[in-house]
Amino acid sequence: MENQITPPAKFSIPSIIAIASAVASFASGAFFGFVLAMIAVVFGAIGVILAFSSRVRGGIVSTLALLGGLLGFIAAVVKTIRWLL
C-alpha cells in the first residue's frame, strides 16, 4: 500500500478578501461601504465555490462574508438615506 501525503488545507485568498471587505464596509461611508460590500459578496461567492475543493478551507468564512456583505449593503443604503435627509 502506498501512503499518500496530502498537503494541509489552506484558506483561499478570496475568502480572506471577502471577510476583510465585509468588515471594512461597516467602518466606511455610504459609497465606499457599498463598494466594499459588493466586493465582499463577489469574493465570498468565489470563496464558497472554491471551498468545494478538499484542498481549500474557508467555506464558512466565505458564507459569513456573503452575509456580512449583504448587511454592509443594507448599512450603506441606510447611510445614504440618512445623508439625503
Protein backbone atom coordinates (compact mmCIF):
# COMPACT_ATOMS: atom_id res chain seq x y z
CA MET A 1 0.00 0.00 0.00
CA GLU A 2 1.17 3.46 -0.80
CA ASN A 3 0.84 6.23 1.69
CA GLN A 4 -0.36 9.36 0.04
CA ILE A 5 0.63 12.54 1.75
CA THR A 6 -1.95 15.23 1.25
CA PRO A 7 -0.99 18.85 1.78
CA PRO A 8 -2.83 20.64 4.58
CA ALA A 9 -5.91 22.58 3.58
CA LYS A 10 -5.42 26.33 3.31
CA PHE A 11 -7.81 29.26 3.43
CA SER A 12 -8.49 30.67 0.00
CA ILE A 13 -7.42 34.21 -0.82
CA PRO A 14 -10.97 35.15 -1.94
CA SER A 15 -12.40 34.15 1.45
CA ILE A 16 -9.86 36.34 3.25
CA ILE A 17 -10.53 39.28 0.92
CA ALA A 18 -14.27 38.78 1.34
CA ILE A 19 -14.28 38.83 5.13
CA ALA A 20 -11.92 41.83 5.25
CA SER A 21 -14.14 43.73 2.79
CA ALA A 22 -17.27 42.86 4.74
CA VAL A 23 -15.80 44.15 7.99
CA ALA A 24 -14.42 47.29 6.32
CA SER A 25 -17.77 48.06 4.69
CA PHE A 26 -19.26 48.84 8.10
CA ALA A 27 -16.47 51.25 9.02
CA SER A 28 -16.64 53.36 5.87
CA GLY A 29 -19.09 55.85 4.42
CA ALA A 30 -22.05 55.20 2.17
CA PHE A 31 -20.25 55.00 -1.20
CA PHE A 32 -17.17 53.06 -0.11
CA GLY A 33 -19.34 50.89 2.15
CA PHE A 34 -21.42 49.97 -0.88
CA VAL A 35 -18.31 49.21 -2.97
CA LEU A 36 -16.73 47.12 -0.21
CA ALA A 37 -19.99 45.25 0.36
CA MET A 38 -20.17 44.34 -3.32
CA ILE A 39 -16.54 43.18 -3.23
CA ALA A 40 -17.38 41.05 -0.19
CA VAL A 41 -20.35 39.46 -1.96
CA VAL A 42 -18.40 38.70 -5.15
CA PHE A 43 -15.32 37.31 -3.41
CA GLY A 44 -17.48 35.47 -0.88
CA ALA A 45 -19.27 33.69 -3.73
CA ILE A 46 -15.93 32.80 -5.30
CA GLY A 47 -14.69 31.55 -1.93
CA VAL A 48 -17.77 29.35 -1.47
CA ILE A 49 -17.22 27.82 -4.91
CA LEU A 50 -13.53 27.21 -4.18
CA ALA A 51 -14.37 25.64 -0.80
CA PHE A 52 -15.90 22.66 -2.57
CA SER A 53 -12.32 21.50 -3.20
CA SER A 54 -10.88 19.30 -0.49
CA ARG A 55 -7.61 21.28 -0.53
CA VAL A 56 -9.22 24.64 0.27
CA ARG A 57 -10.77 25.79 3.50
CA GLY A 58 -12.89 28.84 4.09
CA GLY A 59 -16.42 27.83 3.18
CA ILE A 60 -17.84 29.09 6.46
CA VAL A 61 -15.71 32.24 6.31
CA SER A 62 -16.93 32.90 2.76
CA THR A 63 -20.54 32.32 3.77
CA LEU A 64 -20.15 34.74 6.68
CA ALA A 65 -18.56 37.23 4.30
CA LEU A 66 -21.54 36.89 1.96
CA LEU A 67 -23.90 37.62 4.85
CA GLY A 68 -21.66 40.46 6.03
CA GLY A 69 -21.58 41.90 2.51
CA LEU A 70 -25.37 41.84 2.33
CA LEU A 71 -25.61 43.52 5.73
CA GLY A 72 -22.96 46.03 4.62
CA PHE A 73 -25.04 46.76 1.51
CA ILE A 74 -28.09 47.43 3.70
CA ALA A 75 -25.99 49.62 6.00
CA ALA A 76 -24.70 51.60 3.00
CA VAL A 77 -28.26 52.18 1.79
CA VAL A 78 -29.31 53.35 5.26
CA LYS A 79 -26.29 55.68 5.43
CA THR A 80 -27.21 57.10 2.03
CA ILE A 81 -30.81 57.72 3.08
CA ARG A 82 -29.68 59.39 6.30
CA TRP A 83 -27.27 61.57 4.31
CA LEU A 84 -30.00 62.63 1.89
CA LEU A 85 -32.44 63.59 4.64
